[in-house]
Every structure is written in C-alpha cells, then in structure tokens.
N, C-alpha and C. Protein backbone atom coordinates (compact mmCIF):
# COMPACT_ATOMS: atom_id res chain seq x y z
N UNK A 1 37.90 50.66 -75.64
CA UNK A 1 37.99 52.09 -76.04
C UNK A 1 36.90 52.71 -76.83
N UNK A 2 36.45 52.30 -77.99
CA UNK A 2 35.83 53.16 -78.86
C UNK A 2 34.69 53.51 -78.04
N UNK A 3 33.65 52.73 -77.15
CA UNK A 3 32.83 52.95 -76.74
C UNK A 3 32.73 54.14 -75.93
N UNK A 4 33.78 53.93 -75.16
CA UNK A 4 34.00 55.52 -74.16
C UNK A 4 34.24 56.62 -74.87
N UNK A 5 35.16 56.32 -75.94
CA UNK A 5 35.11 57.68 -76.73
C UNK A 5 33.55 58.11 -77.54
N UNK A 6 33.09 57.32 -77.84
CA UNK A 6 31.85 57.36 -78.77
C UNK A 6 30.82 58.17 -77.21
N UNK A 7 30.57 57.58 -76.53
CA UNK A 7 30.04 58.02 -75.04
C UNK A 7 30.57 59.22 -74.39
N UNK A 8 31.64 59.42 -74.65
CA UNK A 8 32.14 60.62 -74.22
C UNK A 8 31.92 62.29 -75.49
N UNK A 9 31.78 61.94 -76.82
CA UNK A 9 31.53 62.48 -77.53
C UNK A 9 30.25 63.15 -77.53
N UNK A 10 29.17 61.74 -77.34
CA UNK A 10 27.94 62.11 -77.47
C UNK A 10 27.43 62.95 -76.26
N UNK A 11 28.08 62.59 -75.12
CA UNK A 11 27.63 63.18 -74.06
C UNK A 11 28.27 64.84 -73.97
N UNK A 12 29.11 65.12 -74.55
CA UNK A 12 29.88 66.40 -74.42
C UNK A 12 29.05 67.02 -75.60
N UNK A 13 28.58 66.55 -76.71
CA UNK A 13 28.15 66.93 -77.64
C UNK A 13 26.14 67.29 -77.71
N UNK A 14 25.99 66.71 -77.04
CA UNK A 14 24.45 66.79 -76.46
C UNK A 14 24.23 68.19 -76.42
N UNK A 15 24.58 68.38 -75.28
CA UNK A 15 24.37 70.10 -74.42
C UNK A 15 24.50 71.02 -75.65
N UNK A 16 25.58 71.00 -76.62
CA UNK A 16 25.83 72.01 -77.74
C UNK A 16 24.57 71.79 -78.88
N UNK A 17 24.30 70.41 -79.05
CA UNK A 17 23.09 70.71 -80.14
C UNK A 17 21.97 71.61 -79.49
N UNK A 18 21.64 71.76 -78.19
CA UNK A 18 20.40 72.09 -77.78
C UNK A 18 20.66 73.32 -76.87
N UNK A 19 21.69 73.89 -76.90
CA UNK A 19 22.39 75.06 -76.31
C UNK A 19 21.25 76.38 -76.39
N UNK A 20 20.76 76.56 -77.84
CA UNK A 20 20.04 77.96 -78.04
C UNK A 20 18.61 77.58 -77.85
N UNK A 21 18.24 76.49 -77.01
CA UNK A 21 16.66 76.64 -77.12
C UNK A 21 15.60 76.31 -78.35
N UNK A 22 16.29 76.12 -79.43
CA UNK A 22 15.55 76.13 -80.71
C UNK A 22 15.51 74.96 -80.88
N UNK A 23 14.24 74.34 -81.74
CA UNK A 23 14.21 73.24 -82.33
C UNK A 23 14.49 72.97 -83.91
N UNK A 24 15.30 72.08 -84.06
CA UNK A 24 15.92 72.05 -85.74
C UNK A 24 14.78 71.98 -86.59
N UNK A 25 15.13 72.72 -87.60
CA UNK A 25 14.05 72.91 -88.77
C UNK A 25 14.66 72.26 -90.15
N UNK A 26 13.74 71.84 -91.02
CA UNK A 26 14.54 71.34 -92.24
C UNK A 26 13.98 73.00 -93.36
N UNK A 27 14.16 72.50 -94.71
CA UNK A 27 13.75 73.58 -95.60
C UNK A 27 12.36 74.05 -95.56
N UNK A 28 11.37 72.85 -95.19
CA UNK A 28 10.04 73.52 -95.13
C UNK A 28 9.57 74.10 -93.73
N UNK A 29 10.55 74.32 -92.81
CA UNK A 29 10.25 74.51 -91.34
C UNK A 29 9.55 73.73 -90.61
N UNK A 30 9.73 72.05 -90.91
CA UNK A 30 9.16 71.09 -90.11
C UNK A 30 10.07 70.98 -89.14
N UNK A 31 10.01 70.63 -88.06
CA UNK A 31 11.17 70.16 -86.99
C UNK A 31 11.42 68.87 -87.55
N UNK A 32 13.21 68.57 -87.56
CA UNK A 32 13.59 67.69 -88.13
C UNK A 32 14.91 67.65 -87.37
N UNK A 33 15.17 66.07 -87.06
CA UNK A 33 16.25 65.57 -86.49
C UNK A 33 16.99 64.27 -87.17
N UNK A 34 18.27 64.67 -87.60
CA UNK A 34 18.59 63.29 -88.21
C UNK A 34 20.33 63.02 -87.85
N UNK A 35 20.67 61.82 -88.30
CA UNK A 35 21.96 61.40 -88.09
C UNK A 35 22.62 60.32 -88.91
N UNK A 36 23.60 60.24 -89.04
CA UNK A 36 24.27 59.02 -89.91
C UNK A 36 25.16 58.06 -89.41
N UNK A 37 25.17 57.25 -89.89
CA UNK A 37 26.43 56.27 -89.49
C UNK A 37 27.08 55.61 -90.63
N UNK A 38 28.35 55.02 -90.17
CA UNK A 38 29.02 54.34 -91.33
C UNK A 38 29.78 53.11 -90.16
N UNK A 39 28.73 52.13 -90.03
CA UNK A 39 29.54 50.79 -89.42
C UNK A 39 29.83 49.98 -90.69
N UNK A 40 30.80 49.44 -90.20
CA UNK A 40 31.39 48.42 -91.49
C UNK A 40 30.56 47.28 -91.48
N UNK A 41 29.77 47.30 -91.90
CA UNK A 41 28.66 46.12 -92.14
C UNK A 41 27.72 46.52 -93.52
N UNK A 42 27.30 45.05 -93.85
CA UNK A 42 26.16 44.99 -95.24
C UNK A 42 25.23 45.48 -94.43
N UNK A 43 24.02 45.95 -95.82
CA UNK A 43 23.04 46.30 -95.62
C UNK A 43 22.11 45.69 -94.77
N UNK A 44 22.44 44.46 -95.08
CA UNK A 44 21.50 43.31 -94.47
C UNK A 44 21.65 43.22 -92.78
N UNK A 45 23.44 43.50 -92.53
CA UNK A 45 23.66 43.20 -91.08
C UNK A 45 23.20 44.59 -90.55
N UNK A 46 23.28 45.90 -91.09
CA UNK A 46 22.61 47.10 -90.59
C UNK A 46 21.22 47.03 -90.17
N UNK A 47 20.70 46.50 -91.14
CA UNK A 47 19.30 46.12 -90.89
C UNK A 47 18.50 45.46 -89.59
N UNK A 48 19.31 44.28 -89.82
CA UNK A 48 19.15 43.42 -88.88
C UNK A 48 19.60 44.15 -87.34
N UNK A 49 20.71 44.67 -87.22
CA UNK A 49 20.86 45.73 -85.85
C UNK A 49 19.90 46.52 -85.86
N UNK A 50 19.37 47.40 -86.72
CA UNK A 50 18.40 48.11 -86.79
C UNK A 50 16.78 47.71 -85.44
N UNK A 51 16.47 46.16 -86.24
CA UNK A 51 15.33 45.54 -85.73
C UNK A 51 15.99 45.41 -84.54
N UNK A 52 17.01 44.90 -84.21
CA UNK A 52 17.42 44.47 -82.89
C UNK A 52 17.05 45.82 -81.68
N UNK A 53 17.90 47.10 -82.09
CA UNK A 53 17.65 48.16 -81.49
C UNK A 53 16.37 48.37 -81.55
N UNK A 54 15.53 48.63 -82.18
CA UNK A 54 14.09 48.73 -82.24
C UNK A 54 13.46 47.86 -80.73
N UNK A 55 13.81 46.51 -81.16
CA UNK A 55 13.39 45.63 -80.05
C UNK A 55 13.79 46.13 -78.56
N UNK A 56 15.05 46.54 -78.51
CA UNK A 56 15.63 46.70 -77.26
C UNK A 56 15.16 47.94 -76.52
N UNK A 57 14.81 48.95 -77.24
CA UNK A 57 14.91 50.14 -77.11
C UNK A 57 13.25 50.60 -76.86
N UNK A 58 12.51 49.90 -77.35
CA UNK A 58 10.60 50.21 -77.45
C UNK A 58 10.12 49.05 -77.02
N UNK A 59 11.03 48.04 -76.97
CA UNK A 59 10.39 46.64 -76.19
C UNK A 59 9.30 45.66 -77.13
N UNK A 60 8.36 46.38 -77.54
CA UNK A 60 7.38 45.56 -78.75
C UNK A 60 7.60 45.98 -79.84
N UNK A 61 8.34 45.33 -80.71
CA UNK A 61 8.84 45.64 -82.42
C UNK A 61 7.51 45.61 -83.31
N UNK A 62 6.47 44.96 -83.11
CA UNK A 62 5.35 44.97 -83.73
C UNK A 62 4.87 46.11 -83.55
N UNK A 63 4.51 46.58 -82.12
CA UNK A 63 3.70 48.04 -82.04
C UNK A 63 4.70 49.06 -82.24
N UNK A 64 6.06 48.93 -82.27
CA UNK A 64 6.60 49.95 -82.77
C UNK A 64 6.70 50.50 -84.02
N UNK A 65 6.88 49.39 -85.33
CA UNK A 65 7.35 49.54 -86.55
C UNK A 65 6.12 49.78 -87.50
N UNK A 66 5.84 50.92 -87.91
CA UNK A 66 4.96 51.24 -88.74
C UNK A 66 4.71 50.65 -90.53
N UNK A 67 6.38 50.48 -90.70
CA UNK A 67 6.61 49.98 -92.40
C UNK A 67 7.99 49.53 -91.94
N UNK A 68 7.95 48.36 -92.80
CA UNK A 68 9.49 47.92 -92.96
C UNK A 68 9.45 47.19 -94.18
N UNK A 69 10.60 47.41 -94.78
CA UNK A 69 11.02 46.88 -96.40
C UNK A 69 12.48 46.43 -96.33
N UNK A 70 12.98 44.98 -95.89
CA UNK A 70 14.17 44.64 -95.94
C UNK A 70 14.86 44.72 -97.13
N UNK A 71 14.19 44.44 -98.17
CA UNK A 71 15.18 44.85 -99.72
C UNK A 71 15.46 45.97 -99.81
N UNK A 72 14.37 47.00 -99.10
CA UNK A 72 15.12 48.15 -99.53
C UNK A 72 15.72 48.77 -98.31
N UNK A 73 15.73 48.16 -97.33
CA UNK A 73 16.48 48.41 -96.29
C UNK A 73 16.22 49.87 -95.51
N UNK A 74 14.61 49.82 -95.46
CA UNK A 74 13.64 51.10 -94.64
C UNK A 74 13.03 50.29 -93.45
N UNK A 75 13.11 51.39 -92.19
CA UNK A 75 12.30 51.05 -91.40
C UNK A 75 11.41 52.34 -90.77
N UNK A 76 10.46 52.43 -90.83
CA UNK A 76 9.63 53.71 -90.02
C UNK A 76 9.09 53.21 -88.83
N UNK A 77 9.33 53.90 -87.54
CA UNK A 77 9.07 53.43 -86.39
C UNK A 77 8.32 54.77 -86.03
N UNK A 78 6.95 54.33 -85.33
CA UNK A 78 6.28 55.44 -84.58
C UNK A 78 6.23 55.14 -83.05
N UNK A 79 6.70 55.98 -82.05
CA UNK A 79 6.61 55.48 -80.74
C UNK A 79 6.67 56.92 -80.23
N UNK A 80 7.11 56.45 -78.95
CA UNK A 80 7.21 58.02 -77.69
C UNK A 80 8.20 57.68 -77.23
N UNK A 81 8.77 59.11 -76.69
CA UNK A 81 9.84 58.60 -75.61
C UNK A 81 9.31 60.17 -74.60
N UNK A 82 9.89 59.97 -73.23
CA UNK A 82 9.46 60.88 -71.98
C UNK A 82 10.34 61.96 -72.34
N UNK A 83 10.01 63.09 -71.93
CA UNK A 83 10.40 64.49 -72.00
C UNK A 83 10.53 65.30 -70.79
N UNK A 84 11.54 66.02 -70.93
CA UNK A 84 11.38 67.07 -69.29
C UNK A 84 11.11 68.51 -69.97
N UNK A 85 9.41 68.22 -69.95
CA UNK A 85 8.99 69.87 -70.33
C UNK A 85 7.82 69.91 -69.71
N UNK A 86 7.33 71.31 -69.64
CA UNK A 86 6.19 71.79 -68.67
C UNK A 86 4.91 71.37 -69.23
N UNK A 87 4.99 71.08 -70.24
CA UNK A 87 3.13 71.00 -70.96
C UNK A 87 3.03 69.52 -71.22
N UNK A 88 4.19 68.86 -71.84
CA UNK A 88 4.48 67.45 -71.83
C UNK A 88 5.10 66.39 -71.42
N UNK A 89 4.34 65.18 -71.35
CA UNK A 89 5.48 64.23 -70.68
C UNK A 89 5.95 63.28 -71.66
N UNK A 90 5.44 63.11 -72.91
CA UNK A 90 6.34 62.33 -73.88
C UNK A 90 5.77 63.18 -75.32
N UNK A 91 6.91 62.88 -75.79
CA UNK A 91 6.95 63.13 -77.43
C UNK A 91 6.76 62.15 -78.08
N UNK A 92 5.95 62.06 -79.39
CA UNK A 92 5.26 61.18 -80.25
C UNK A 92 6.20 61.92 -81.39
N UNK A 93 6.78 60.73 -82.04
CA UNK A 93 7.76 60.90 -83.39
C UNK A 93 7.49 59.57 -84.31
N UNK A 94 7.69 60.21 -85.56
CA UNK A 94 8.26 59.03 -86.89
C UNK A 94 9.80 59.19 -86.92
N UNK A 95 10.23 57.74 -86.73
CA UNK A 95 11.79 57.90 -86.99
C UNK A 95 12.07 57.06 -88.20
N UNK A 96 12.59 57.37 -89.33
CA UNK A 96 12.61 56.52 -90.59
C UNK A 96 14.30 56.19 -90.57
N UNK A 97 14.47 54.93 -91.01
CA UNK A 97 15.54 54.48 -91.04
C UNK A 97 16.02 53.92 -92.10
N UNK A 98 17.24 54.36 -93.17
CA UNK A 98 17.59 54.03 -94.49
C UNK A 98 18.69 53.52 -94.01
N UNK A 99 18.89 51.82 -94.72
CA UNK A 99 20.20 51.14 -94.66
C UNK A 99 20.40 50.83 -95.64
N UNK A 100 21.87 51.10 -95.82
CA UNK A 100 22.91 50.45 -96.97
C UNK A 100 23.86 49.97 -96.72
N UNK A 101 24.67 49.36 -97.51
CA UNK A 101 25.91 48.80 -97.23
C UNK A 101 26.95 50.18 -96.68
N UNK A 102 27.28 49.63 -95.62
CA UNK A 102 28.63 50.68 -94.63
C UNK A 102 27.92 51.89 -94.47
N UNK A 103 26.36 52.17 -94.21
CA UNK A 103 25.89 53.31 -94.07
C UNK A 103 24.46 53.16 -93.58
N UNK A 104 24.01 54.02 -92.37
CA UNK A 104 22.66 54.32 -92.29
C UNK A 104 22.13 55.79 -92.15
N UNK A 105 20.88 55.89 -92.29
CA UNK A 105 21.00 57.49 -91.93
C UNK A 105 19.05 57.51 -91.15
N UNK A 106 19.10 58.16 -90.37
CA UNK A 106 18.23 58.18 -89.42
C UNK A 106 17.62 59.27 -89.39
N UNK A 107 16.09 59.59 -89.69
CA UNK A 107 15.47 60.84 -89.43
C UNK A 107 14.37 60.77 -88.67
N UNK A 108 14.07 61.89 -87.77
CA UNK A 108 13.23 61.96 -87.12
C UNK A 108 12.51 63.13 -86.94
N UNK A 109 10.79 62.58 -87.21
CA UNK A 109 9.84 63.97 -87.90
C UNK A 109 8.69 63.55 -87.55
N UNK A 110 7.55 64.40 -87.49
CA UNK A 110 6.57 64.54 -87.43
C UNK A 110 6.43 64.28 -85.81
N UNK A 111 6.57 65.17 -84.80
CA UNK A 111 6.41 65.02 -83.44
C UNK A 111 5.78 65.80 -82.95
N UNK A 112 4.89 64.93 -81.94
CA UNK A 112 3.74 65.59 -81.23
C UNK A 112 4.02 65.55 -79.80
N UNK A 113 3.61 66.39 -78.81
CA UNK A 113 3.91 66.68 -77.67
C UNK A 113 2.43 66.08 -77.15
N UNK A 114 3.09 65.03 -75.78
CA UNK A 114 1.67 64.29 -75.68
C UNK A 114 1.38 64.77 -73.87
N UNK A 115 0.44 65.20 -73.92
CA UNK A 115 0.19 65.29 -72.26
C UNK A 115 -0.89 64.65 -71.63
N UNK A 116 -1.10 64.26 -70.41
CA UNK A 116 -2.26 63.51 -69.75
C UNK A 116 -3.55 64.48 -69.80
N UNK A 117 -3.34 65.55 -69.98
CA UNK A 117 -4.54 66.66 -69.60
C UNK A 117 -5.16 66.96 -70.62
N UNK A 118 -4.51 66.97 -72.04
CA UNK A 118 -4.92 67.61 -73.62
C UNK A 118 -4.61 66.79 -74.64
N UNK A 119 -5.17 66.71 -75.76
CA UNK A 119 -4.86 66.10 -76.77
C UNK A 119 -3.55 66.47 -77.21
N UNK A 120 -2.99 65.36 -78.22
CA UNK A 120 -1.48 66.07 -78.75
C UNK A 120 -1.67 67.07 -79.54
N UNK A 121 -0.10 67.64 -79.60
CA UNK A 121 -0.21 68.82 -80.28
C UNK A 121 1.00 68.70 -80.98
N UNK A 122 0.81 69.15 -82.09
CA UNK A 122 2.16 68.89 -83.23
C UNK A 122 2.90 69.96 -82.86
N UNK A 123 4.19 69.56 -82.92
CA UNK A 123 5.65 70.58 -82.45
C UNK A 123 6.04 71.12 -84.20
N UNK A 124 6.24 72.47 -84.13
CA UNK A 124 6.16 73.21 -85.46
C UNK A 124 7.06 74.33 -85.14
N UNK A 125 7.44 74.83 -86.37
CA UNK A 125 8.44 76.36 -86.30
C UNK A 125 7.83 77.48 -85.29
N UNK A 126 6.30 77.08 -85.31
CA UNK A 126 6.17 78.21 -84.20
C UNK A 126 6.31 78.22 -82.96
N UNK A 127 6.98 77.08 -82.24
CA UNK A 127 7.84 76.90 -80.74
C UNK A 127 8.89 77.98 -81.04
N UNK A 128 9.71 77.91 -82.13
CA UNK A 128 10.50 78.98 -82.22
C UNK A 128 10.61 79.83 -82.50
N UNK A 129 9.28 80.27 -83.10
CA UNK A 129 8.68 81.77 -83.34
C UNK A 129 8.21 82.57 -82.15
N UNK A 130 7.71 81.84 -81.09
CA UNK A 130 7.63 82.13 -79.86
C UNK A 130 8.65 82.60 -79.12
N UNK A 131 9.78 81.99 -79.19
CA UNK A 131 11.15 82.30 -78.62
C UNK A 131 11.54 83.65 -78.77
N UNK A 132 11.63 83.44 -80.16
CA UNK A 132 12.19 84.60 -81.18
C UNK A 132 11.41 86.04 -80.67
N UNK A 133 10.00 85.84 -80.37
CA UNK A 133 9.10 86.87 -80.55
C UNK A 133 9.69 87.50 -79.00
N UNK A 134 9.62 86.40 -77.93
CA UNK A 134 9.59 86.70 -76.55
C UNK A 134 11.14 87.82 -76.35
N UNK A 135 11.74 87.21 -77.32
CA UNK A 135 13.33 87.88 -76.97
C UNK A 135 13.39 89.06 -77.50
N UNK A 136 12.39 89.63 -78.75
CA UNK A 136 12.30 90.85 -79.07
C UNK A 136 11.50 91.96 -78.19
N UNK A 137 10.59 91.11 -77.45
CA UNK A 137 9.68 91.79 -76.22
C UNK A 137 10.60 91.97 -74.89
N UNK A 138 11.70 91.18 -74.88
CA UNK A 138 12.56 91.40 -73.60
C UNK A 138 13.28 92.76 -74.15
N UNK A 139 13.72 92.74 -75.17
CA UNK A 139 14.67 93.57 -75.21
C UNK A 139 14.13 95.38 -75.67
N UNK A 140 12.46 95.37 -75.82
CA UNK A 140 11.94 96.48 -75.86
C UNK A 140 11.37 96.93 -74.83
N UNK A 141 11.51 96.30 -73.54
CA UNK A 141 10.94 96.18 -72.19
C UNK A 141 11.90 97.07 -71.33
N UNK A 142 11.23 98.13 -70.89
CA UNK A 142 12.12 99.18 -70.18
C UNK A 142 11.73 98.61 -68.12
N UNK A 143 10.98 98.40 -67.80
CA UNK A 143 10.32 98.29 -66.73
C UNK A 143 11.64 96.94 -66.14
N UNK A 144 12.35 97.08 -65.30
CA UNK A 144 13.28 95.87 -65.10
C UNK A 144 12.32 94.45 -64.52
N UNK A 145 11.10 94.95 -63.68
CA UNK A 145 10.73 93.93 -62.92
C UNK A 145 9.82 92.76 -63.88
N UNK A 146 9.14 93.72 -65.32
CA UNK A 146 8.60 92.95 -66.09
C UNK A 146 9.47 92.40 -67.05
N UNK A 147 10.92 93.08 -67.12
CA UNK A 147 11.78 92.07 -67.92
C UNK A 147 12.28 91.14 -67.16
N UNK A 148 12.42 91.15 -66.26
CA UNK A 148 12.94 89.87 -65.14
C UNK A 148 11.87 88.41 -65.47
N UNK A 149 10.71 89.08 -65.37
CA UNK A 149 9.67 88.13 -65.65
C UNK A 149 9.42 87.41 -66.77
N UNK A 150 9.85 88.43 -68.07
CA UNK A 150 9.81 87.68 -69.17
C UNK A 150 11.20 86.99 -69.66
N UNK A 151 12.31 87.47 -69.05
CA UNK A 151 13.38 86.62 -68.82
C UNK A 151 13.19 85.10 -68.26
N UNK A 152 12.53 85.01 -67.07
CA UNK A 152 12.13 83.86 -66.74
C UNK A 152 11.57 82.85 -67.59
N UNK A 153 10.22 83.56 -68.17
CA UNK A 153 9.62 82.93 -69.36
C UNK A 153 10.37 82.06 -70.45
N UNK A 154 11.27 83.01 -70.85
CA UNK A 154 12.05 82.59 -71.89
C UNK A 154 12.58 81.46 -71.52
N UNK A 155 13.53 81.81 -70.44
CA UNK A 155 14.27 80.58 -69.95
C UNK A 155 13.42 79.31 -69.91
N UNK A 156 12.37 79.50 -69.51
CA UNK A 156 11.24 78.17 -69.27
C UNK A 156 11.02 77.74 -70.26
N UNK A 157 10.79 78.36 -71.69
CA UNK A 157 10.43 77.94 -73.29
C UNK A 157 11.74 77.65 -73.40
N UNK A 158 12.97 78.23 -73.30
CA UNK A 158 14.37 77.29 -74.15
C UNK A 158 14.47 75.76 -73.48
N UNK A 159 14.33 75.96 -72.32
CA UNK A 159 14.59 74.74 -71.18
C UNK A 159 13.69 73.87 -71.71
N UNK A 160 12.21 74.22 -72.09
CA UNK A 160 11.17 72.85 -72.61
C UNK A 160 12.20 72.37 -74.12
N UNK A 161 12.27 73.34 -75.16
CA UNK A 161 12.61 72.75 -76.39
C UNK A 161 14.08 72.29 -76.11
N UNK A 162 14.64 72.29 -74.93
CA UNK A 162 16.10 71.82 -74.99
C UNK A 162 15.65 70.25 -74.34
N UNK A 163 14.70 70.03 -73.43
CA UNK A 163 14.58 68.74 -73.37
C UNK A 163 13.94 67.84 -74.13
N UNK A 164 13.11 68.20 -75.24
CA UNK A 164 12.77 67.56 -76.43
C UNK A 164 13.98 67.38 -77.31
N UNK A 165 14.86 68.74 -77.15
CA UNK A 165 15.96 68.26 -78.28
C UNK A 165 16.78 67.03 -77.44
N UNK A 166 17.09 67.21 -76.31
CA UNK A 166 18.20 65.87 -75.55
C UNK A 166 17.38 64.54 -75.57
N UNK A 167 16.29 64.89 -75.61
CA UNK A 167 15.57 63.14 -75.81
C UNK A 167 15.36 62.53 -77.00
N UNK A 168 15.45 63.57 -78.38
CA UNK A 168 15.59 63.05 -79.91
C UNK A 168 17.07 62.70 -79.90
N UNK A 169 17.89 63.85 -79.42
CA UNK A 169 19.65 63.48 -79.93
C UNK A 169 19.90 62.19 -78.97
N UNK A 170 19.69 62.17 -77.90
CA UNK A 170 19.35 60.76 -76.91
C UNK A 170 19.21 59.48 -77.89
N UNK A 171 18.15 59.43 -78.26
CA UNK A 171 17.45 58.54 -79.34
C UNK A 171 18.49 58.08 -80.65
N UNK A 172 18.78 59.40 -81.08
CA UNK A 172 19.84 59.01 -82.10
C UNK A 172 21.31 58.69 -81.79
N UNK A 173 21.88 59.24 -80.98
CA UNK A 173 23.01 58.87 -80.25
C UNK A 173 22.84 57.03 -79.77
N UNK A 174 21.75 56.62 -79.40
CA UNK A 174 21.69 55.61 -78.82
C UNK A 174 21.77 54.63 -80.22
N UNK A 175 21.41 54.96 -81.28
CA UNK A 175 21.50 54.19 -82.75
C UNK A 175 22.74 53.86 -83.10
N UNK A 176 23.47 55.10 -82.93
CA UNK A 176 25.06 54.86 -83.20
C UNK A 176 25.45 54.13 -82.23
N UNK A 177 25.55 54.14 -81.52
CA UNK A 177 26.18 53.50 -80.36
C UNK A 177 26.01 52.06 -80.47
N UNK A 178 24.60 51.51 -80.53
CA UNK A 178 24.38 50.24 -80.91
C UNK A 178 24.86 49.61 -82.27
N UNK A 179 24.98 50.47 -83.11
CA UNK A 179 25.54 49.90 -84.65
C UNK A 179 27.21 49.95 -84.51
N UNK A 180 27.87 50.23 -83.60
CA UNK A 180 29.00 50.06 -83.62
C UNK A 180 29.83 49.35 -82.76
C-alpha cells in the first residue's frame, strides 16, 4: 500500500515541480535539484541501499561512482540520463548522496546537456533567463502573427526545461522509492 501511495504522490507531484518551464536554482544561481528521505534504517543500511540503487539504476557501479566514503556515508555519482529535449539526448550530472541514521540527502548539480552533434553544454541560469526574456518580448509584441510564433518558441523552450526537470525528479523519486 505504501508503494502505491508513494508512486501516486510521485506521479502527481512531478508535473507540479516542472509546470512553469524553469530549472530550479540555488542561492548562487546554479541548477540544483534536491530531495531527502527518512527511511527507518541505520546510516550503514541506507548507504548499502544507495550502493544497490546505483548498481540497479546505472548498471556499472564502478563507472558511475566518482567518490565514496562509507564512514562518512557519502557517495558521488557522475552519470547520464536520457531527456526529452530539442537539443540534447542526455543530461550528464553529479548526484551527491549523504547518508545518516534514519535519513539521507540527495543533491543533483553540475548538469551538462549532451548532444550527438556538438560538445556538452553546461546548463545554467541563462536557460531560465532566455525564457523570461522571451516572455517580455511576447508581451511587447503587437503583431499577432509574430506573437504567435514567439509563443510557440516559448512553449518549446519551456517543454525542453520540463523534459530536464522530469528526468531529474524521476531520478530523485526512484531513490525515495528504492529506500522505502
């Protein structure tokens, strides 16, 4: 029953997080996703579950984990996830997981858009700024035809960001589901 409820809340919450088409930012204006959980497990048990989750999710534990400290309860994973995006096929990211008794914190940062036709591109606050600038231009535009074209471009920009948000929140949600 708790898995069904967790899945329901996760599925219903995912679109809420990503509805505005903006990427979440931290205080330094870096793209930043985070989540925490409170499984009723010791630090060592949570750490082991996280290791199992990495192996299950990314296949090869050794390739995905770039830093591990069992005593401190820390894991850092650098990997890729597929995204629905006009310019990128994948997003590369760093995922840092900190474990303690009865809790964990997961933080995704350092996102790069990966394409088959160009070099990786660091995703930044500028992706949000382009959306805000486009919204200002749309509000100032008088031509209905031009305004319609700009609104279509804005929808695509927001959909691209929503694709990234969905992939990242799904990843965080899979951690929560795996540890419960």
